[in-house]
Amino acid sequence: MTALLSIRDLRVAYRRDGAEVVALKGVSLDVLEGERLAIIGESGSGKSTLALAVVGLLARGTEIGGTISWKIPKSQAPHSFAPPSVLPDISPTRGEIGSSVAGSLLATSKIGEGGDHELISPLEGEMSGRTERGAKDRQPSALATSHPLLGRDIGFVFQDPSSSLDPVMPVGKQIAEVARTHLDLTWREAIAKAKTLLERVRLPYPDAALHAYPHQLSGGQKQRVAIAAAIAAGPKLLIADEATSALDTIVQAEIAALIRRLVTEDGMALIFISHDIALAASLANRIAVLRHGELVELGETNQIVNAPQHAYTRGLLDAHLGLDAEPLLDRQGISA
């Protein structure tokens, strides 16, 4: 398989209260075309930082090093100017564009080197939206427009759909806006596609759901809407960053099954970020294990689950409680 995304020696550090906090320490890995890669680790291991670095959504002032290289097939969709949308901007970290190869575009971001230090407007062919700290606080970019764009080439599903959906816009219009921007559709065609997408993510009563506002939907339903928006333009890569963590157990399983079905049907690659090794194993072909910003193990799912090499991976597996596990209080000799 060909590598869709190659990350080499990725280093990320934040400045907090005058001190440097290192989030990633020389991480290197590939994401292959059509594969499902899970990135797991405890809170603070660097999982989400890795995802945000890939799509260029790190906060301004973050110190970044290493390279991110893409091999994205030429898109059939025209590059157009985008109105505000459900999805945040992507401005992958500043760098250089490599040469074209055999019907595809190979873009390499040399992170932390050169480039314009001014923010690129979210109207310049990029999808704008609500991020946790706002668009003006993200890492600037000076990559050319042939670099992958969020919404067109990369779909991103965040942990909390309530913070990524526009609360004052019907969800059907939010999905349609992505399709209209990147697929050059009329509004009528885009709304029809939005309805089809709501059917694909199995949202009940899609005709009525088109006109619903986010606050009228449950948490699981809002996440289905966010997934529909993320795949609206047919991206080559879908990133799900703790997309099931805020949901109850049954809905988690439903959303995980939905993501697996959609990436299989559309031939997308998937980066699935989770702290739940059992859930990751049910989705992924390969698993990458992060700890304290370091990649401690990477391998096929069967090998990681059944024959882990690193003590930390074995600890994650031991920490997973199945239905047949001895109650934790009994194991610790503590009475309730």
C-alpha atoms as a PDB file:
ATOM      1  CA  MET A   1       0.000   0.000   0.000  1.00  0.00           C
ATOM      2  CA  THR A   2       1.061   3.580  -0.679  1.00  0.00           C
ATOM      3  CA  ALA A   3       1.517   5.978   2.216  1.00  0.00           C
ATOM      4  CA  LEU A   4      -1.123   8.710   2.089  1.00  0.00           C
ATOM      5  CA  LEU A   5       0.516  10.590   4.962  1.00  0.00           C
ATOM      6  CA  SER A   6       4.077  10.373   6.268  1.00  0.00           C
ATOM      7  CA  ILE A   7       5.097  11.972   9.561  1.00  0.00           C
ATOM      8  CA  ARG A   8       8.775  12.203  10.390  1.00  0.00           C
ATOM      9  CA  ASP A   9      10.356  13.355  13.662  1.00  0.00           C
ATOM     10  CA  LEU A  10       7.320  15.440  14.649  1.00  0.00           C
ATOM     11  CA  ARG A  11       8.035  17.565  17.708  1.00  0.00           C
ATOM     12  CA  VAL A  12       5.517  19.881  19.379  1.00  0.00           C
ATOM     13  CA  ALA A  13       5.980  22.032  22.468  1.00  0.00           C
ATOM     14  CA  TYR A  14       3.612  24.493  24.145  1.00  0.00           C
ATOM     15  CA  ARG A  15       4.521  27.532  26.222  1.00  0.00           C
ATOM     16  CA  ARG A  16       2.592  27.638  29.481  1.00  0.00           C
ATOM     17  CA  ASP A  17       3.233  30.117  32.309  1.00  0.00           C
ATOM     18  CA  GLY A  18       6.666  30.804  30.897  1.00  0.00           C
ATOM     19  CA  ALA A  19       7.627  27.122  30.841  1.00  0.00           C
ATOM     20  CA  GLU A  20       7.947  24.764  27.883  1.00  0.00           C
ATOM     21  CA  VAL A  21       5.652  21.730  27.861  1.00  0.00           C
ATOM     22  CA  VAL A  22       6.731  19.121  25.313  1.00  0.00           C
ATOM     23  CA  ALA A  23       3.694  17.347  23.841  1.00  0.00           C
ATOM     24  CA  LEU A  24       5.312  15.265  21.076  1.00  0.00           C
ATOM     25  CA  LYS A  25       8.897  14.003  21.009  1.00  0.00           C
ATOM     26  CA  GLY A  26      10.058  12.963  17.539  1.00  0.00           C
ATOM     27  CA  VAL A  27       7.055  10.920  16.422  1.00  0.00           C
ATOM     28  CA  SER A  28       7.384   9.165  13.041  1.00  0.00           C
ATOM     29  CA  LEU A  29       4.700   7.060  11.359  1.00  0.00           C
ATOM     30  CA  ASP A  30       2.866   6.512   8.063  1.00  0.00           C
ATOM     31  CA  VAL A  31      -0.851   6.350   7.316  1.00  0.00           C
ATOM     32  CA  LEU A  32      -1.503   4.104   4.329  1.00  0.00           C
ATOM     33  CA  GLU A  33      -4.209   4.636   1.741  1.00  0.00           C
ATOM     34  CA  GLY A  34      -7.458   3.041   2.896  1.00  0.00           C
ATOM     35  CA  GLU A  35      -6.114   1.772   6.234  1.00  0.00           C
ATOM     36  CA  ARG A  36      -7.613   2.284   9.666  1.00  0.00           C
ATOM     37  CA  LEU A  37      -4.984   3.443  12.153  1.00  0.00           C
ATOM     38  CA  ALA A  38      -5.821   3.881  15.828  1.00  0.00           C
ATOM     39  CA  ILE A  39      -3.741   6.139  18.044  1.00  0.00           C
ATOM     40  CA  ILE A  40      -4.174   5.284  21.714  1.00  0.00           C
ATOM     41  CA  GLY A  41      -2.784   6.396  25.037  1.00  0.00           C
ATOM     42  CA  GLU A  42      -3.821   7.963  28.302  1.00  0.00           C
ATOM     43  CA  SER A  43      -4.858  11.609  28.638  1.00  0.00           C
ATOM     44  CA  GLY A  44      -1.896  13.894  27.996  1.00  0.00           C
ATOM     45  CA  SER A  45      -0.026  11.371  25.851  1.00  0.00           C
ATOM     46  CA  GLY A  46      -0.118  13.641  22.782  1.00  0.00           C
ATOM     47  CA  LYS A  47      -2.845  11.941  20.742  1.00  0.00           C
ATOM     48  CA  SER A  48      -4.933  15.022  19.980  1.00  0.00           C
ATOM     49  CA  THR A  49      -1.844  17.189  19.531  1.00  0.00           C
ATOM     50  CA  LEU A  50      -0.722  14.808  16.803  1.00  0.00           C
ATOM     51  CA  ALA A  51      -4.065  15.104  15.013  1.00  0.00           C
ATOM     52  CA  LEU A  52      -4.125  18.896  15.292  1.00  0.00           C
ATOM     53  CA  ALA A  53      -0.555  19.112  14.005  1.00  0.00           C
ATOM     54  CA  VAL A  54      -1.474  17.014  10.965  1.00  0.00           C
ATOM     55  CA  VAL A  55      -4.286  19.377   9.980  1.00  0.00           C
ATOM     56  CA  GLY A  56      -2.617  22.614  11.103  1.00  0.00           C
ATOM     57  CA  LEU A  57      -4.937  23.548  13.951  1.00  0.00           C
ATOM     58  CA  LEU A  58      -2.345  24.030  16.662  1.00  0.00           C
ATOM     59  CA  ALA A  59      -2.489  27.310  18.558  1.00  0.00           C
ATOM     60  CA  ARG A  60      -0.368  30.274  17.576  1.00  0.00           C
ATOM     61  CA  GLY A  61       2.957  30.267  19.384  1.00  0.00           C
ATOM     62  CA  THR A  62       3.277  26.489  19.464  1.00  0.00           C
ATOM     63  CA  GLU A  63       6.815  25.328  18.723  1.00  0.00           C
ATOM     64  CA  ILE A  64       6.817  22.673  15.995  1.00  0.00           C
ATOM     65  CA  GLY A  65       9.507  20.649  14.231  1.00  0.00           C
ATOM     66  CA  GLY A  66       9.727  17.734  11.811  1.00  0.00           C
ATOM     67  CA  THR A  67       8.051  17.021   8.468  1.00  0.00           C
ATOM     68  CA  ILE A  68       4.571  15.999   7.297  1.00  0.00           C
ATOM     69  CA  SER A  69       4.326  14.684   3.717  1.00  0.00           C
ATOM     70  CA  TRP A  70       1.137  13.991   1.795  1.00  0.00           C
ATOM     71  CA  LYS A  71       0.338  12.050  -1.330  1.00  0.00           C
ATOM     72  CA  ILE A  72      -3.157  13.171  -2.254  1.00  0.00           C
ATOM     73  CA  PRO A  73      -4.746  12.160  -5.597  1.00  0.00           C
ATOM     74  CA  LYS A  74      -5.836  15.118  -7.689  1.00  0.00           C
ATOM     75  CA  SER A  75      -9.307  16.163  -6.643  1.00  0.00           C
ATOM     76  CA  GLN A  76     -12.095  16.402  -9.191  1.00  0.00           C
ATOM     77  CA  ALA A  77     -13.709  19.124  -7.134  1.00  0.00           C
ATOM     78  CA  PRO A  78     -12.772  22.683  -8.032  1.00  0.00           C
ATOM     79  CA  HIS A  79     -10.999  24.848  -5.508  1.00  0.00           C
ATOM     80  CA  SER A  80     -13.444  27.538  -4.502  1.00  0.00           C
ATOM     81  CA  PHE A  81     -13.744  30.277  -1.948  1.00  0.00           C
ATOM     82  CA  ALA A  82     -15.560  29.077   1.145  1.00  0.00           C
ATOM     83  CA  PRO A  83     -18.143  30.832   3.262  1.00  0.00           C
ATOM     84  CA  PRO A  84     -18.186  30.188   7.020  1.00  0.00           C
ATOM     85  CA  SER A  85     -18.895  26.535   7.692  1.00  0.00           C
ATOM     86  CA  VAL A  86     -19.429  23.814  10.252  1.00  0.00           C
ATOM     87  CA  LEU A  87     -15.795  22.764  10.048  1.00  0.00           C
ATOM     88  CA  PRO A  88     -12.758  24.591  11.429  1.00  0.00           C
ATOM     89  CA  ASP A  89     -10.030  25.980   9.190  1.00  0.00           C
ATOM     90  CA  ILE A  90      -7.216  23.825   8.102  1.00  0.00           C
ATOM     91  CA  SER A  91      -3.972  25.642   7.637  1.00  0.00           C
ATOM     92  CA  PRO A  92      -1.356  22.877   7.787  1.00  0.00           C
ATOM     93  CA  THR A  93       1.889  24.015   9.230  1.00  0.00           C
ATOM     94  CA  ARG A  94       3.944  26.290   7.053  1.00  0.00           C
ATOM     95  CA  GLY A  95       6.466  24.692   4.710  1.00  0.00           C
ATOM     96  CA  GLU A  96       7.058  23.777   1.113  1.00  0.00           C
ATOM     97  CA  ILE A  97       5.191  22.060  -1.708  1.00  0.00           C
ATOM     98  CA  GLY A  98       6.976  19.210  -3.421  1.00  0.00           C
ATOM     99  CA  SER A  99       6.669  18.099  -7.025  1.00  0.00           C
ATOM    100  CA  SER A 100       3.740  16.343  -8.704  1.00  0.00           C
ATOM    101  CA  VAL A 101       4.026  12.593  -9.156  1.00  0.00           C
ATOM    102  CA  ALA A 102       2.012  10.293 -11.401  1.00  0.00           C
ATOM    103  CA  GLY A 103      -1.404  11.860 -11.138  1.00  0.00           C
ATOM    104  CA  SER A 104      -1.108  12.897  -7.536  1.00  0.00           C
ATOM    105  CA  LEU A 105       0.160  15.835  -5.536  1.00  0.00           C
ATOM    106  CA  LEU A 106       2.966  15.237  -3.096  1.00  0.00           C
ATOM    107  CA  ALA A 107       3.037  18.005  -0.518  1.00  0.00           C
ATOM    108  CA  THR A 108       5.659  18.165   2.190  1.00  0.00           C
ATOM    109  CA  SER A 109       5.350  20.468   5.169  1.00  0.00           C
ATOM    110  CA  LYS A 110       8.741  21.363   6.602  1.00  0.00           C
ATOM    111  CA  ILE A 111       7.441  22.467   9.915  1.00  0.00           C
ATOM    112  CA  GLY A 112       8.859  25.457  11.680  1.00  0.00           C
ATOM    113  CA  GLU A 113      10.893  26.634   8.687  1.00  0.00           C
ATOM    114  CA  GLY A 114      10.375  29.910   6.865  1.00  0.00           C
ATOM    115  CA  GLY A 115       7.042  31.014   5.483  1.00  0.00           C
ATOM    116  CA  ASP A 116       4.704  33.907   6.024  1.00  0.00           C
ATOM    117  CA  HIS A 117       3.908  34.601   9.642  1.00  0.00           C
ATOM    118  CA  GLU A 118       0.566  36.223   8.910  1.00  0.00           C
ATOM    119  CA  LEU A 119      -2.681  34.282   9.155  1.00  0.00           C
ATOM    120  CA  ILE A 120      -4.273  33.144   5.932  1.00  0.00           C
ATOM    121  CA  SER A 121      -7.869  34.287   5.679  1.00  0.00           C
ATOM    122  CA  PRO A 122     -10.380  31.454   6.206  1.00  0.00           C
ATOM    123  CA  LEU A 123     -12.135  32.708   3.084  1.00  0.00           C
ATOM    124  CA  GLU A 124      -9.223  31.730   0.867  1.00  0.00           C
ATOM    125  CA  GLY A 125     -10.485  28.325  -0.128  1.00  0.00           C
ATOM    126  CA  GLU A 126     -10.621  26.993   3.425  1.00  0.00           C
ATOM    127  CA  MET A 127     -13.482  25.989   5.664  1.00  0.00           C
ATOM    128  CA  SER A 128     -13.945  28.254   8.647  1.00  0.00           C
ATOM    129  CA  GLY A 129     -15.851  27.492  11.821  1.00  0.00           C
ATOM    130  CA  ARG A 130     -15.815  27.424  15.580  1.00  0.00           C
ATOM    131  CA  THR A 131     -12.709  26.100  17.252  1.00  0.00           C
ATOM    132  CA  GLU A 132     -12.170  25.891  20.963  1.00  0.00           C
ATOM    133  CA  ARG A 133      -9.909  28.945  21.077  1.00  0.00           C
ATOM    134  CA  GLY A 134     -11.007  30.692  17.876  1.00  0.00           C
ATOM    135  CA  ALA A 135      -9.609  30.875  14.346  1.00  0.00           C
ATOM    136  CA  LYS A 136      -7.228  33.743  15.105  1.00  0.00           C
ATOM    137  CA  ASP A 137      -5.445  31.670  17.737  1.00  0.00           C
ATOM    138  CA  ARG A 138      -4.354  28.858  15.461  1.00  0.00           C
ATOM    139  CA  GLN A 139      -0.946  28.163  13.960  1.00  0.00           C
ATOM    140  CA  PRO A 140      -0.380  30.249  10.799  1.00  0.00           C
ATOM    141  CA  SER A 141       0.283  28.669   7.425  1.00  0.00           C
ATOM    142  CA  ALA A 142       1.787  29.633   4.111  1.00  0.00           C
ATOM    143  CA  LEU A 143       1.209  26.411   2.147  1.00  0.00           C
ATOM    144  CA  ALA A 144      -0.079  26.594  -1.392  1.00  0.00           C
ATOM    145  CA  THR A 145      -3.673  25.676  -2.166  1.00  0.00           C
ATOM    146  CA  SER A 146      -2.669  22.290  -3.611  1.00  0.00           C
ATOM    147  CA  HIS A 147      -2.018  21.132  -0.043  1.00  0.00           C
ATOM    148  CA  PRO A 148      -4.828  19.009   1.457  1.00  0.00           C
ATOM    149  CA  LEU A 149      -7.755  21.038   2.742  1.00  0.00           C
ATOM    150  CA  LEU A 150      -9.999  20.193   5.660  1.00  0.00           C
ATOM    151  CA  GLY A 151     -13.442  19.437   4.326  1.00  0.00           C
ATOM    152  CA  ARG A 152     -12.258  18.526   0.837  1.00  0.00           C
ATOM    153  CA  ASP A 153      -9.341  16.130   1.363  1.00  0.00           C
ATOM    154  CA  ILE A 154      -9.495  15.624   5.134  1.00  0.00           C
ATOM    155  CA  GLY A 155     -12.573  15.143   7.291  1.00  0.00           C
ATOM    156  CA  PHE A 156     -12.275  15.859  11.015  1.00  0.00           C
ATOM    157  CA  VAL A 157     -14.710  14.704  13.695  1.00  0.00           C
ATOM    158  CA  PHE A 158     -14.194  16.337  17.091  1.00  0.00           C
ATOM    159  CA  GLN A 159     -14.999  14.916  20.514  1.00  0.00           C
ATOM    160  CA  ASP A 160     -17.831  17.350  21.268  1.00  0.00           C
ATOM    161  CA  PRO A 161     -20.203  17.979  18.347  1.00  0.00           C
ATOM    162  CA  SER A 162     -21.892  20.780  20.289  1.00  0.00           C
ATOM    163  CA  SER A 163     -18.745  22.887  19.941  1.00  0.00           C
ATOM    164  CA  SER A 164     -18.171  22.110  16.256  1.00  0.00           C
ATOM    165  CA  LEU A 165     -21.733  22.648  14.978  1.00  0.00           C
ATOM    166  CA  ASP A 166     -23.186  26.119  14.483  1.00  0.00           C
ATOM    167  CA  PRO A 167     -25.986  26.479  17.066  1.00  0.00           C
ATOM    168  CA  VAL A 168     -28.009  28.959  14.979  1.00  0.00           C
ATOM    169  CA  MET A 169     -27.947  27.144  11.620  1.00  0.00           C
ATOM    170  CA  PRO A 170     -30.057  24.112  10.647  1.00  0.00           C
ATOM    171  CA  VAL A 171     -27.875  21.013  10.458  1.00  0.00           C
ATOM    172  CA  GLY A 172     -28.935  20.287   6.879  1.00  0.00           C
ATOM    173  CA  LYS A 173     -27.604  23.657   5.751  1.00  0.00           C
ATOM    174  CA  GLN A 174     -24.342  23.067   7.610  1.00  0.00           C
ATOM    175  CA  ILE A 175     -23.768  19.781   5.781  1.00  0.00           C
ATOM    176  CA  ALA A 176     -24.919  21.238   2.453  1.00  0.00           C
ATOM    177  CA  GLU A 177     -22.488  24.126   2.783  1.00  0.00           C
ATOM    178  CA  VAL A 178     -19.521  21.750   2.836  1.00  0.00           C
ATOM    179  CA  ALA A 179     -20.758  19.917  -0.268  1.00  0.00           C
ATOM    180  CA  ARG A 180     -21.598  23.135  -2.119  1.00  0.00           C
ATOM    181  CA  THR A 181     -18.208  24.670  -1.392  1.00  0.00           C
ATOM    182  CA  HIS A 182     -16.025  21.743  -2.385  1.00  0.00           C
ATOM    183  CA  LEU A 183     -18.140  19.921  -4.999  1.00  0.00           C
ATOM    184  CA  ASP A 184     -19.382  23.006  -6.903  1.00  0.00           C
ATOM    185  CA  LEU A 185     -23.040  22.083  -6.389  1.00  0.00           C
ATOM    186  CA  THR A 186     -26.076  24.334  -6.481  1.00  0.00           C
ATOM    187  CA  TRP A 187     -27.868  24.828  -3.179  1.00  0.00           C
ATOM    188  CA  ARG A 188     -30.661  22.512  -4.337  1.00  0.00           C
ATOM    189  CA  GLU A 189     -28.137  19.796  -5.197  1.00  0.00           C
ATOM    190  CA  ALA A 190     -26.239  20.374  -1.963  1.00  0.00           C
ATOM    191  CA  ILE A 191     -29.385  20.070   0.168  1.00  0.00           C
ATOM    192  CA  ALA A 192     -30.275  16.838  -1.650  1.00  0.00           C
ATOM    193  CA  LYS A 193     -26.784  15.517  -0.910  1.00  0.00           C
ATOM    194  CA  ALA A 194     -27.153  16.555   2.738  1.00  0.00           C
ATOM    195  CA  LYS A 195     -30.328  14.496   2.973  1.00  0.00           C
ATOM    196  CA  THR A 196     -28.534  11.505   1.424  1.00  0.00           C
ATOM    197  CA  LEU A 197     -25.714  11.904   3.939  1.00  0.00           C
ATOM    198  CA  LEU A 198     -28.152  12.013   6.856  1.00  0.00           C
ATOM    199  CA  GLU A 199     -29.623   8.775   5.531  1.00  0.00           C
ATOM    200  CA  ARG A 200     -26.120   7.258   5.280  1.00  0.00           C
ATOM    201  CA  VAL A 201     -25.348   8.099   8.910  1.00  0.00           C
ATOM    202  CA  ARG A 202     -28.758   6.650   9.808  1.00  0.00           C
ATOM    203  CA  LEU A 203     -30.232   9.694  11.459  1.00  0.00           C
ATOM    204  CA  PRO A 204     -33.956   9.063  12.007  1.00  0.00           C
ATOM    205  CA  TYR A 205     -36.400  11.076   9.878  1.00  0.00           C
ATOM    206  CA  PRO A 206     -33.777  12.734   7.643  1.00  0.00           C
ATOM    207  CA  ASP A 207     -36.332  15.068   5.993  1.00  0.00           C
ATOM    208  CA  ALA A 208     -37.190  16.590   9.356  1.00  0.00           C
ATOM    209  CA  ALA A 209     -33.582  16.448  10.565  1.00  0.00           C
ATOM    210  CA  LEU A 210     -32.503  18.700   7.690  1.00  0.00           C
ATOM    211  CA  HIS A 211     -34.345  21.580   9.342  1.00  0.00           C
ATOM    212  CA  ALA A 212     -33.411  20.766  12.946  1.00  0.00           C
ATOM    213  CA  TYR A 213     -31.005  22.831  15.014  1.00  0.00           C
ATOM    214  CA  PRO A 214     -28.218  21.147  17.018  1.00  0.00           C
ATOM    215  CA  HIS A 215     -29.936  21.738  20.377  1.00  0.00           C
ATOM    216  CA  GLN A 216     -32.913  19.706  19.140  1.00  0.00           C
ATOM    217  CA  LEU A 217     -30.765  16.589  18.700  1.00  0.00           C
ATOM    218  CA  SER A 218     -29.268  14.143  21.178  1.00  0.00           C
ATOM    219  CA  GLY A 219     -25.510  13.821  21.623  1.00  0.00           C
ATOM    220  CA  GLY A 220     -25.330  10.747  19.410  1.00  0.00           C
ATOM    221  CA  GLN A 221     -27.472  12.391  16.732  1.00  0.00           C
ATOM    222  CA  LYS A 222     -25.269  15.500  16.737  1.00  0.00           C
ATOM    223  CA  GLN A 223     -22.192  13.329  16.296  1.00  0.00           C
ATOM    224  CA  ARG A 224     -23.860  11.639  13.321  1.00  0.00           C
ATOM    225  CA  VAL A 225     -24.433  15.090  11.816  1.00  0.00           C
ATOM    226  CA  ALA A 226     -20.788  16.000  12.405  1.00  0.00           C
ATOM    227  CA  ILE A 227     -19.698  12.785  10.676  1.00  0.00           C
ATOM    228  CA  ALA A 228     -22.006  13.538   7.735  1.00  0.00           C
ATOM    229  CA  ALA A 229     -20.427  16.987   7.371  1.00  0.00           C
ATOM    230  CA  ALA A 230     -16.930  15.519   7.639  1.00  0.00           C
ATOM    231  CA  ILE A 231     -17.474  13.105   4.721  1.00  0.00           C
ATOM    232  CA  ALA A 232     -19.632  15.428   2.583  1.00  0.00           C
ATOM    233  CA  ALA A 233     -16.901  16.207   0.035  1.00  0.00           C
ATOM    234  CA  GLY A 234     -15.518  12.661  -0.130  1.00  0.00           C
ATOM    235  CA  PRO A 235     -12.219  13.153   1.748  1.00  0.00           C
ATOM    236  CA  LYS A 236      -9.333  10.720   1.425  1.00  0.00           C
ATOM    237  CA  LEU A 237      -8.626  10.801   5.165  1.00  0.00           C
ATOM    238  CA  LEU A 238     -11.038  10.913   8.101  1.00  0.00           C
ATOM    239  CA  ILE A 239      -9.695  11.855  11.534  1.00  0.00           C
ATOM    240  CA  ALA A 240     -11.913  11.008  14.509  1.00  0.00           C
ATOM    241  CA  ASP A 241     -10.483  12.616  17.641  1.00  0.00           C
ATOM    242  CA  GLU A 242     -12.106  10.952  20.667  1.00  0.00           C
ATOM    243  CA  ALA A 243     -15.320  11.020  18.641  1.00  0.00           C
ATOM    244  CA  THR A 244     -17.076   8.562  20.960  1.00  0.00           C
ATOM    245  CA  SER A 245     -15.703   9.637  24.360  1.00  0.00           C
ATOM    246  CA  ALA A 246     -18.599  11.951  25.267  1.00  0.00           C
ATOM    247  CA  LEU A 247     -21.252   9.331  24.461  1.00  0.00           C
ATOM    248  CA  ASP A 248     -22.753   6.522  26.510  1.00  0.00           C
ATOM    249  CA  THR A 249     -21.547   2.974  25.954  1.00  0.00           C
ATOM    250  CA  ILE A 250     -24.282   1.804  23.580  1.00  0.00           C
ATOM    251  CA  VAL A 251     -24.068   4.945  21.425  1.00  0.00           C
ATOM    252  CA  GLN A 252     -20.270   4.631  21.422  1.00  0.00           C
ATOM    253  CA  ALA A 253     -20.557   1.207  19.834  1.00  0.00           C
ATOM    254  CA  GLU A 254     -23.065   2.499  17.268  1.00  0.00           C
ATOM    255  CA  ILE A 255     -20.868   5.452  16.270  1.00  0.00           C
ATOM    256  CA  ALA A 256     -17.769   3.245  16.047  1.00  0.00           C
ATOM    257  CA  ALA A 257     -19.637   0.806  13.788  1.00  0.00           C
ATOM    258  CA  LEU A 258     -20.897   3.729  11.687  1.00  0.00           C
ATOM    259  CA  ILE A 259     -17.381   5.131  11.211  1.00  0.00           C
ATOM    260  CA  ARG A 260     -16.057   1.714  10.223  1.00  0.00           C
ATOM    261  CA  ARG A 261     -18.846   1.203   7.682  1.00  0.00           C
ATOM    262  CA  LEU A 262     -18.415   4.651   6.111  1.00  0.00           C
ATOM    263  CA  VAL A 263     -14.636   4.479   5.707  1.00  0.00           C
ATOM    264  CA  THR A 264     -14.982   1.007   4.174  1.00  0.00           C
ATOM    265  CA  GLU A 265     -17.708   2.073   1.745  1.00  0.00           C
ATOM    266  CA  ASP A 266     -15.868   5.237   0.664  1.00  0.00           C
ATOM    267  CA  GLY A 267     -12.327   3.851   0.685  1.00  0.00           C
ATOM    268  CA  MET A 268     -11.108   6.493   3.131  1.00  0.00           C
ATOM    269  CA  ALA A 269      -8.130   6.160   5.414  1.00  0.00           C
ATOM    270  CA  LEU A 270      -8.973   6.602   9.088  1.00  0.00           C
ATOM    271  CA  ILE A 271      -7.052   7.962  12.056  1.00  0.00           C
ATOM    272  CA  PHE A 272      -9.057   6.996  15.125  1.00  0.00           C
ATOM    273  CA  ILE A 273      -7.876   8.593  18.359  1.00  0.00           C
ATOM    274  CA  SER A 274      -8.978   7.015  21.613  1.00  0.00           C
ATOM    275  CA  HIS A 275      -7.892   6.110  25.139  1.00  0.00           C
ATOM    276  CA  ASP A 276      -9.963   2.891  24.868  1.00  0.00           C
ATOM    277  CA  ILE A 277      -7.743   0.130  23.511  1.00  0.00           C
ATOM    278  CA  ALA A 278     -10.648  -2.324  23.175  1.00  0.00           C
ATOM    279  CA  LEU A 279     -12.683   0.120  21.072  1.00  0.00           C
ATOM    280  CA  ALA A 280      -9.618   0.928  18.971  1.00  0.00           C
ATOM    281  CA  ALA A 281      -8.954  -2.758  18.379  1.00  0.00           C
ATOM    282  CA  SER A 282     -12.490  -3.223  17.042  1.00  0.00           C
ATOM    283  CA  LEU A 283     -11.881  -0.562  14.384  1.00  0.00           C
ATOM    284  CA  ALA A 284      -8.238  -0.515  13.406  1.00  0.00           C
ATOM    285  CA  ASN A 285      -5.911  -2.483  11.152  1.00  0.00           C
ATOM    286  CA  ARG A 286      -2.935  -1.042  13.035  1.00  0.00           C
ATOM    287  CA  ILE A 287      -2.484   0.581  16.434  1.00  0.00           C
ATOM    288  CA  ALA A 288       0.023   3.232  17.480  1.00  0.00           C
ATOM    289  CA  VAL A 289       0.618   3.637  21.212  1.00  0.00           C
ATOM    290  CA  LEU A 290       1.686   7.029  22.576  1.00  0.00           C
ATOM    291  CA  ARG A 291       3.025   7.745  26.043  1.00  0.00           C
ATOM    292  CA  HIS A 292       4.282  11.128  27.276  1.00  0.00           C
ATOM    293  CA  GLY A 293       4.558  12.322  23.673  1.00  0.00           C
ATOM    294  CA  GLU A 294       6.590   9.353  22.455  1.00  0.00           C
ATOM    295  CA  LEU A 295       5.558   6.574  20.070  1.00  0.00           C
ATOM    296  CA  VAL A 296       6.316   3.520  22.190  1.00  0.00           C
ATOM    297  CA  GLU A 297       4.764   0.829  19.974  1.00  0.00           C
ATOM    298  CA  LEU A 298       3.297   0.486  16.488  1.00  0.00           C
ATOM    299  CA  GLY A 299       2.004  -2.680  14.903  1.00  0.00           C
ATOM    300  CA  GLU A 300      -0.840  -4.733  13.507  1.00  0.00           C
ATOM    301  CA  THR A 301      -3.878  -4.827  15.773  1.00  0.00           C
ATOM    302  CA  ASN A 302      -3.602  -8.568  16.402  1.00  0.00           C
ATOM    303  CA  GLN A 303       0.043  -8.223  17.450  1.00  0.00           C
ATOM    304  CA  ILE A 304      -0.604  -5.231  19.716  1.00  0.00           C
ATOM    305  CA  VAL A 305      -3.522  -6.927  21.478  1.00  0.00           C
ATOM    306  CA  ASN A 306      -2.163 -10.460  21.732  1.00  0.00           C
ATOM    307  CA  ALA A 307       1.621  -9.995  21.875  1.00  0.00           C
ATOM    308  CA  PRO A 308       2.442  -6.429  22.964  1.00  0.00           C
ATOM    309  CA  GLN A 309       6.149  -5.644  23.154  1.00  0.00           C
ATOM    310  CA  HIS A 310       6.136  -2.603  25.416  1.00  0.00           C
ATOM    311  CA  ALA A 311       5.277  -2.676  29.112  1.00  0.00           C
ATOM    312  CA  TYR A 312       3.051   0.389  28.741  1.00  0.00           C
ATOM    313  CA  THR A 313       0.944  -1.350  26.078  1.00  0.00           C
ATOM    314  CA  ARG A 314       0.576  -4.354  28.356  1.00  0.00           C
ATOM    315  CA  GLY A 315      -0.493  -1.974  31.114  1.00  0.00           C
ATOM    316  CA  LEU A 316      -3.206  -0.471  28.906  1.00  0.00           C
ATOM    317  CA  LEU A 317      -4.493  -3.941  28.123  1.00  0.00           C
ATOM    318  CA  ASP A 318      -4.447  -4.950  31.773  1.00  0.00           C
ATOM    319  CA  ALA A 319      -6.326  -1.778  32.696  1.00  0.00           C
ATOM    320  CA  HIS A 320      -9.218  -2.639  30.385  1.00  0.00           C
ATOM    321  CA  LEU A 321     -12.074  -4.157  32.370  1.00  0.00           C
ATOM    322  CA  GLY A 322     -14.275  -6.693  30.604  1.00  0.00           C
ATOM    323  CA  LEU A 323     -17.648  -7.890  31.816  1.00  0.00           C
ATOM    324  CA  ASP A 324     -15.981 -10.940  33.354  1.00  0.00           C
ATOM    325  CA  ALA A 325     -13.399  -8.911  35.289  1.00  0.00           C
ATOM    326  CA  GLU A 326     -13.232  -9.040  39.073  1.00  0.00           C
ATOM    327  CA  PRO A 327     -14.740  -5.863  40.587  1.00  0.00           C
ATOM    328  CA  LEU A 328     -12.044  -3.212  41.030  1.00  0.00           C
ATOM    329  CA  LEU A 329     -12.853  -2.661  44.714  1.00  0.00           C
ATOM    330  CA  ASP A 330     -12.445  -6.393  45.395  1.00  0.00           C
ATOM    331  CA  ARG A 331      -9.146  -6.449  43.521  1.00  0.00           C
ATOM    332  CA  GLN A 332      -7.823  -3.636  45.712  1.00  0.00           C
ATOM    333  CA  GLY A 333      -9.185  -5.116  48.937  1.00  0.00           C
ATOM    334  CA  ILE A 334     -11.468  -2.133  49.544  1.00  0.00           C
ATOM    335  CA  SER A 335     -15.045  -2.389  50.743  1.00  0.00           C
ATOM    336  CA  ALA A 336     -17.688  -0.146  49.216  1.00  0.00           C
END
